[in-house]
C-alpha cells in the first residue's frame, strides 16, 4: 500500500472545520459574544487545528498502514490460478426439462394465494 498524502489532509480538514463550527456555536450561542469576535476566534481556531489534525491524521494513517503491512506479512495469500473455462465443461439445461415439482420463474399459477382475514 502506497502512502497517500490525501488521507491525512482529509482528516485535518475535518478536524479544522469541526473546530470552526464548534467555536461558532459556543461563541455565538453559549457565550453571547459579538459576531465579529466569534468569527475571528473561529478562524484562529481553524488555523490552529488544521496542522494539529494533519499531524494526527498522518500518525493514524501510518499506524493503519503498518498494521495492514504486518497482517499481509503474517497472512500471505496463496497463489490462486484461474481455471480455464472450456465450452465442453458447460452444460446448458432447457427450462422445459426441469423437474415438475419446481415451478418455473414465470409461472404464476403455482403461486400460493393469500386469503384476507
N, C-alpha and C. Protein backbone atom coordinates (compact mmCIF):
# COMPACT_ATOMS: atom_id res chain seq x y z
N UNK A 1 0.85 -1.17 0.00
CA UNK A 1 0.00 0.00 0.00
C UNK A 1 0.89 1.23 0.00
N UNK A 2 0.67 2.08 -0.96
CA UNK A 2 1.48 3.28 -1.05
C UNK A 2 0.95 4.34 -0.09
N UNK A 3 1.87 5.11 0.45
CA UNK A 3 1.48 6.19 1.36
C UNK A 3 0.85 7.31 0.55
N UNK A 4 -0.34 7.67 0.93
CA UNK A 4 -1.05 8.74 0.24
C UNK A 4 -1.09 9.96 1.14
N UNK A 5 -0.94 11.11 0.54
CA UNK A 5 -0.98 12.36 1.29
C UNK A 5 -2.42 12.83 1.46
N UNK A 6 -3.34 12.26 0.70
CA UNK A 6 -4.72 12.71 0.71
C UNK A 6 -5.43 12.41 2.03
N UNK A 7 -5.26 11.22 2.58
CA UNK A 7 -5.99 10.86 3.79
C UNK A 7 -5.67 11.75 4.98
N UNK A 8 -4.41 12.04 5.30
CA UNK A 8 -4.15 12.97 6.42
C UNK A 8 -4.72 14.36 6.17
N UNK A 9 -4.73 14.81 4.93
CA UNK A 9 -5.30 16.13 4.64
C UNK A 9 -6.81 16.14 4.84
N UNK A 10 -7.46 15.05 4.49
CA UNK A 10 -8.91 14.96 4.70
C UNK A 10 -9.21 14.97 6.19
N UNK A 11 -8.45 14.23 6.96
CA UNK A 11 -8.65 14.21 8.42
C UNK A 11 -8.38 15.59 9.00
N UNK A 12 -7.33 16.26 8.54
CA UNK A 12 -7.01 17.60 9.03
C UNK A 12 -8.11 18.60 8.68
N UNK A 13 -8.65 18.49 7.48
CA UNK A 13 -9.73 19.40 7.08
C UNK A 13 -10.98 19.18 7.93
N UNK A 14 -11.31 17.93 8.16
CA UNK A 14 -12.48 17.62 9.00
C UNK A 14 -12.26 18.13 10.43
N UNK A 15 -11.06 17.93 10.93
CA UNK A 15 -10.73 18.38 12.28
C UNK A 15 -10.85 19.90 12.39
N UNK A 16 -10.31 20.62 11.40
CA UNK A 16 -10.34 22.09 11.43
C UNK A 16 -11.76 22.62 11.26
N UNK A 17 -12.53 22.04 10.35
CA UNK A 17 -13.90 22.51 10.15
C UNK A 17 -14.80 22.19 11.34
N UNK A 18 -14.56 21.08 11.99
CA UNK A 18 -15.32 20.76 13.20
C UNK A 18 -15.00 21.75 14.31
N UNK A 19 -13.73 22.08 14.46
CA UNK A 19 -13.35 23.06 15.47
C UNK A 19 -13.93 24.44 15.14
N UNK A 20 -13.95 24.80 13.85
CA UNK A 20 -14.53 26.07 13.43
C UNK A 20 -16.02 26.12 13.77
N UNK A 21 -16.75 25.06 13.41
CA UNK A 21 -18.19 25.02 13.68
C UNK A 21 -18.47 25.04 15.18
N UNK A 22 -17.69 24.29 15.94
CA UNK A 22 -17.90 24.25 17.39
C UNK A 22 -17.62 25.61 18.02
N UNK A 23 -16.58 26.29 17.55
CA UNK A 23 -16.28 27.60 18.13
C UNK A 23 -17.33 28.64 17.74
N UNK A 24 -17.91 28.52 16.56
CA UNK A 24 -19.00 29.43 16.17
C UNK A 24 -20.21 29.21 17.08
N UNK A 25 -20.58 27.95 17.27
CA UNK A 25 -21.75 27.64 18.10
C UNK A 25 -21.52 28.08 19.54
N UNK A 26 -20.38 27.73 20.11
CA UNK A 26 -20.10 28.07 21.50
C UNK A 26 -19.97 29.58 21.68
N UNK A 27 -19.26 30.23 20.77
CA UNK A 27 -19.05 31.67 20.91
C UNK A 27 -20.31 32.49 20.70
N UNK A 28 -21.13 32.09 19.76
CA UNK A 28 -22.32 32.90 19.45
C UNK A 28 -23.48 32.59 20.37
N UNK A 29 -23.74 31.32 20.61
CA UNK A 29 -24.96 30.96 21.35
C UNK A 29 -24.74 30.78 22.85
N UNK A 30 -23.61 30.21 23.22
CA UNK A 30 -23.41 29.92 24.64
C UNK A 30 -22.77 31.10 25.36
N UNK A 31 -21.75 31.71 24.75
CA UNK A 31 -21.05 32.81 25.41
C UNK A 31 -21.68 34.16 25.10
N UNK A 32 -22.38 34.27 23.98
CA UNK A 32 -23.04 35.52 23.63
C UNK A 32 -22.10 36.61 23.17
N UNK A 33 -20.99 36.26 22.54
CA UNK A 33 -20.03 37.24 22.04
C UNK A 33 -20.56 37.91 20.77
N UNK A 34 -20.03 39.09 20.42
CA UNK A 34 -20.43 39.74 19.17
C UNK A 34 -19.97 38.91 17.96
N UNK A 35 -20.69 39.02 16.83
CA UNK A 35 -20.39 38.17 15.66
C UNK A 35 -18.97 38.32 15.13
N UNK A 36 -18.41 39.53 15.10
CA UNK A 36 -17.06 39.73 14.59
C UNK A 36 -16.01 39.03 15.46
N UNK A 37 -16.18 39.10 16.77
CA UNK A 37 -15.26 38.42 17.70
C UNK A 37 -15.36 36.91 17.52
N UNK A 38 -16.59 36.41 17.38
CA UNK A 38 -16.80 34.97 17.21
C UNK A 38 -16.15 34.49 15.92
N UNK A 39 -16.30 35.24 14.84
CA UNK A 39 -15.74 34.85 13.56
C UNK A 39 -14.22 34.84 13.58
N UNK A 40 -13.61 35.90 14.15
CA UNK A 40 -12.15 35.95 14.22
C UNK A 40 -11.58 34.82 15.07
N UNK A 41 -12.23 34.53 16.19
CA UNK A 41 -11.75 33.44 17.05
C UNK A 41 -11.94 32.08 16.38
N UNK A 42 -13.04 31.93 15.65
CA UNK A 42 -13.28 30.66 14.95
C UNK A 42 -12.25 30.45 13.85
N UNK A 43 -11.91 31.51 13.13
CA UNK A 43 -10.87 31.40 12.09
C UNK A 43 -9.51 31.08 12.69
N UNK A 44 -9.21 31.69 13.84
CA UNK A 44 -7.95 31.41 14.52
C UNK A 44 -7.90 29.95 14.97
N UNK A 45 -8.99 29.47 15.54
CA UNK A 45 -9.05 28.08 15.98
C UNK A 45 -8.91 27.13 14.79
N UNK A 46 -9.54 27.47 13.66
CA UNK A 46 -9.44 26.63 12.47
C UNK A 46 -8.00 26.58 11.96
N UNK A 47 -7.33 27.74 11.98
CA UNK A 47 -5.94 27.79 11.53
C UNK A 47 -5.01 27.00 12.45
N UNK A 48 -5.32 26.95 13.72
CA UNK A 48 -4.50 26.18 14.67
C UNK A 48 -4.80 24.69 14.55
N UNK A 49 -6.06 24.34 14.37
CA UNK A 49 -6.45 22.93 14.37
C UNK A 49 -6.09 22.19 13.08
N UNK A 50 -5.89 22.90 11.96
CA UNK A 50 -5.52 22.20 10.73
C UNK A 50 -4.16 21.51 10.85
N UNK A 51 -3.10 22.18 11.30
CA UNK A 51 -1.82 21.46 11.45
C UNK A 51 -1.88 20.36 12.50
N UNK A 52 -2.64 20.60 13.56
CA UNK A 52 -2.79 19.54 14.58
C UNK A 52 -3.49 18.33 13.96
N UNK A 53 -4.54 18.56 13.18
CA UNK A 53 -5.24 17.47 12.50
C UNK A 53 -4.38 16.79 11.47
N UNK A 54 -3.49 17.54 10.82
CA UNK A 54 -2.57 16.96 9.84
C UNK A 54 -1.59 16.02 10.52
N UNK A 55 -1.11 16.39 11.68
CA UNK A 55 -0.20 15.52 12.43
C UNK A 55 -0.94 14.28 12.92
N UNK A 56 -2.12 14.46 13.49
CA UNK A 56 -2.91 13.33 13.99
C UNK A 56 -3.31 12.42 12.82
N UNK A 57 -3.74 13.00 11.70
CA UNK A 57 -4.12 12.21 10.54
C UNK A 57 -2.96 11.43 9.96
N UNK A 58 -1.78 12.05 9.88
CA UNK A 58 -0.59 11.34 9.40
C UNK A 58 -0.20 10.21 10.32
N UNK A 59 -0.29 10.45 11.62
CA UNK A 59 0.03 9.41 12.59
C UNK A 59 -0.94 8.23 12.46
N UNK A 60 -2.24 8.53 12.38
CA UNK A 60 -3.24 7.46 12.26
C UNK A 60 -3.10 6.70 10.95
N UNK A 61 -2.84 7.42 9.86
CA UNK A 61 -2.68 6.75 8.57
C UNK A 61 -1.46 5.84 8.59
N UNK A 62 -0.37 6.31 9.17
CA UNK A 62 0.85 5.49 9.26
C UNK A 62 0.61 4.26 10.14
N UNK A 63 -0.12 4.43 11.22
CA UNK A 63 -0.43 3.32 12.11
C UNK A 63 -1.26 2.26 11.40
N UNK A 64 -2.27 2.68 10.65
CA UNK A 64 -3.11 1.74 9.92
C UNK A 64 -2.31 1.06 8.81
N UNK A 65 -1.48 1.82 8.11
CA UNK A 65 -0.66 1.25 7.04
C UNK A 65 0.30 0.20 7.59
N UNK A 66 0.93 0.46 8.73
CA UNK A 66 1.82 -0.52 9.35
C UNK A 66 1.07 -1.78 9.76
N UNK A 67 -0.13 -1.61 10.29
CA UNK A 67 -0.93 -2.76 10.69
C UNK A 67 -1.32 -3.62 9.48
N UNK A 68 -1.70 -2.98 8.39
CA UNK A 68 -2.06 -3.72 7.18
C UNK A 68 -0.85 -4.47 6.63
N UNK A 69 0.31 -3.81 6.59
CA UNK A 69 1.52 -4.47 6.08
C UNK A 69 1.93 -5.64 6.96
N UNK A 70 1.80 -5.50 8.27
CA UNK A 70 2.12 -6.61 9.17
C UNK A 70 1.16 -7.77 8.97
N UNK A 71 -0.11 -7.47 8.78
CA UNK A 71 -1.10 -8.53 8.53
C UNK A 71 -0.80 -9.25 7.21
N UNK A 72 -0.41 -8.50 6.19
CA UNK A 72 -0.07 -9.14 4.90
C UNK A 72 1.18 -10.00 5.03
N UNK A 73 2.15 -9.58 5.84
CA UNK A 73 3.34 -10.39 6.06
C UNK A 73 3.01 -11.67 6.81
N UNK A 74 2.15 -11.59 7.82
CA UNK A 74 1.82 -12.76 8.64
C UNK A 74 0.80 -13.69 7.98
N UNK A 75 0.00 -13.18 7.06
CA UNK A 75 -1.04 -13.98 6.40
C UNK A 75 -0.96 -13.80 4.89
N UNK A 76 0.08 -14.36 4.26
CA UNK A 76 0.20 -14.18 2.81
C UNK A 76 -0.89 -14.97 2.07
N UNK A 77 -1.29 -14.44 0.93
CA UNK A 77 -2.28 -15.12 0.11
C UNK A 77 -1.58 -16.20 -0.72
N UNK A 78 -2.24 -17.32 -0.86
CA UNK A 78 -1.68 -18.38 -1.69
C UNK A 78 -1.91 -18.02 -3.15
N UNK A 79 -1.09 -18.59 -4.00
CA UNK A 79 -1.21 -18.31 -5.42
C UNK A 79 -2.46 -18.99 -5.97
N UNK A 80 -3.39 -18.20 -6.44
CA UNK A 80 -4.64 -18.72 -6.97
C UNK A 80 -4.61 -18.52 -8.48
N UNK A 81 -4.61 -19.63 -9.21
CA UNK A 81 -4.63 -19.55 -10.67
C UNK A 81 -6.04 -19.85 -11.14
N UNK A 82 -6.55 -19.07 -12.07
CA UNK A 82 -7.90 -19.31 -12.55
C UNK A 82 -7.98 -20.58 -13.39
N UNK A 83 -9.12 -21.24 -13.29
CA UNK A 83 -9.35 -22.45 -14.07
C UNK A 83 -9.87 -22.02 -15.44
N UNK A 84 -9.22 -22.50 -16.51
CA UNK A 84 -9.70 -22.08 -17.83
C UNK A 84 -11.08 -22.70 -18.11
N UNK A 85 -11.96 -21.91 -18.66
CA UNK A 85 -13.31 -22.38 -18.97
C UNK A 85 -13.33 -22.99 -20.36
N UNK A 86 -13.72 -24.25 -20.43
CA UNK A 86 -13.89 -24.93 -21.71
C UNK A 86 -15.37 -24.95 -22.05
N UNK A 87 -15.67 -24.87 -23.32
CA UNK A 87 -17.06 -24.96 -23.72
C UNK A 87 -17.61 -26.35 -23.47
N UNK A 88 -16.74 -27.36 -23.45
CA UNK A 88 -17.20 -28.73 -23.23
C UNK A 88 -17.59 -28.97 -21.77
N UNK A 89 -17.12 -28.12 -20.85
CA UNK A 89 -17.44 -28.31 -19.43
C UNK A 89 -18.72 -27.62 -19.03
N UNK A 90 -19.35 -26.85 -19.94
CA UNK A 90 -20.57 -26.13 -19.64
C UNK A 90 -21.76 -26.93 -20.13
N UNK A 91 -22.74 -27.13 -19.26
CA UNK A 91 -23.94 -27.86 -19.63
C UNK A 91 -25.12 -26.89 -19.66
N UNK A 92 -25.78 -26.80 -20.80
CA UNK A 92 -26.92 -25.92 -20.95
C UNK A 92 -28.19 -26.74 -20.73
N UNK A 93 -29.02 -26.28 -19.81
CA UNK A 93 -30.24 -27.00 -19.45
C UNK A 93 -31.43 -26.26 -20.02
N UNK A 94 -32.31 -27.01 -20.70
CA UNK A 94 -33.53 -26.44 -21.25
C UNK A 94 -34.53 -26.26 -20.11
N UNK A 95 -35.15 -25.07 -19.97
CA UNK A 95 -36.09 -24.84 -18.87
C UNK A 95 -37.28 -25.79 -18.88
N UNK A 96 -37.65 -26.31 -20.04
CA UNK A 96 -38.79 -27.24 -20.09
C UNK A 96 -38.42 -28.61 -19.54
N UNK A 97 -37.15 -28.88 -19.37
CA UNK A 97 -36.72 -30.19 -18.86
C UNK A 97 -36.51 -30.18 -17.35
N UNK A 98 -36.92 -29.13 -16.66
CA UNK A 98 -36.77 -29.09 -15.21
C UNK A 98 -37.78 -30.02 -14.56
N UNK A 99 -37.56 -30.36 -13.31
CA UNK A 99 -38.46 -31.29 -12.61
C UNK A 99 -39.83 -30.64 -12.41
N UNK A 100 -40.91 -31.41 -12.41
CA UNK A 100 -42.26 -30.85 -12.34
C UNK A 100 -42.59 -30.23 -10.98
N UNK A 101 -41.92 -30.61 -9.91
CA UNK A 101 -42.25 -30.05 -8.60
C UNK A 101 -41.66 -28.66 -8.38
N UNK A 102 -40.77 -28.20 -9.25
CA UNK A 102 -40.18 -26.88 -9.13
C UNK A 102 -40.82 -25.99 -10.19
N UNK A 103 -41.58 -24.95 -9.78
CA UNK A 103 -42.22 -24.08 -10.78
C UNK A 103 -41.17 -23.21 -11.47
N UNK A 104 -41.42 -22.90 -12.72
CA UNK A 104 -40.52 -22.03 -13.46
C UNK A 104 -40.70 -20.60 -12.96
N UNK A 105 -39.71 -19.73 -13.14
CA UNK A 105 -39.79 -18.39 -12.59
C UNK A 105 -40.97 -17.58 -13.11
N UNK A 106 -41.43 -17.79 -14.32
CA UNK A 106 -42.52 -17.01 -14.88
C UNK A 106 -43.89 -17.62 -14.64
N UNK A 107 -43.95 -18.75 -13.96
CA UNK A 107 -45.23 -19.45 -13.76
C UNK A 107 -45.94 -18.88 -12.52
N UNK A 108 -47.02 -18.14 -12.73
CA UNK A 108 -47.74 -17.52 -11.63
C UNK A 108 -48.90 -18.37 -11.14
N UNK A 109 -49.27 -19.41 -11.89
CA UNK A 109 -50.41 -20.24 -11.50
C UNK A 109 -50.09 -21.09 -10.29
N UNK A 110 -48.81 -21.36 -10.03
CA UNK A 110 -48.40 -22.19 -8.91
C UNK A 110 -48.20 -21.37 -7.64
N UNK A 111 -48.30 -20.05 -7.75
CA UNK A 111 -48.04 -19.18 -6.59
C UNK A 111 -49.12 -19.37 -5.53
N UNK A 112 -48.74 -19.45 -4.26
CA UNK A 112 -49.74 -19.61 -3.21
C UNK A 112 -50.61 -18.37 -3.08
N UNK A 113 -51.88 -18.59 -2.87
CA UNK A 113 -52.78 -17.44 -2.70
C UNK A 113 -52.93 -17.13 -1.24
N UNK A 114 -53.08 -15.87 -0.93
CA UNK A 114 -53.26 -15.44 0.45
C UNK A 114 -54.70 -15.03 0.65
N UNK A 115 -55.28 -15.54 1.69
CA UNK A 115 -56.67 -15.18 1.95
C UNK A 115 -56.71 -14.00 2.92
N UNK A 116 -57.66 -13.12 2.68
CA UNK A 116 -57.81 -11.96 3.53
C UNK A 116 -58.62 -12.35 4.76
N UNK A 117 -58.13 -12.02 5.91
CA UNK A 117 -58.82 -12.43 7.13
C UNK A 117 -59.69 -11.33 7.65
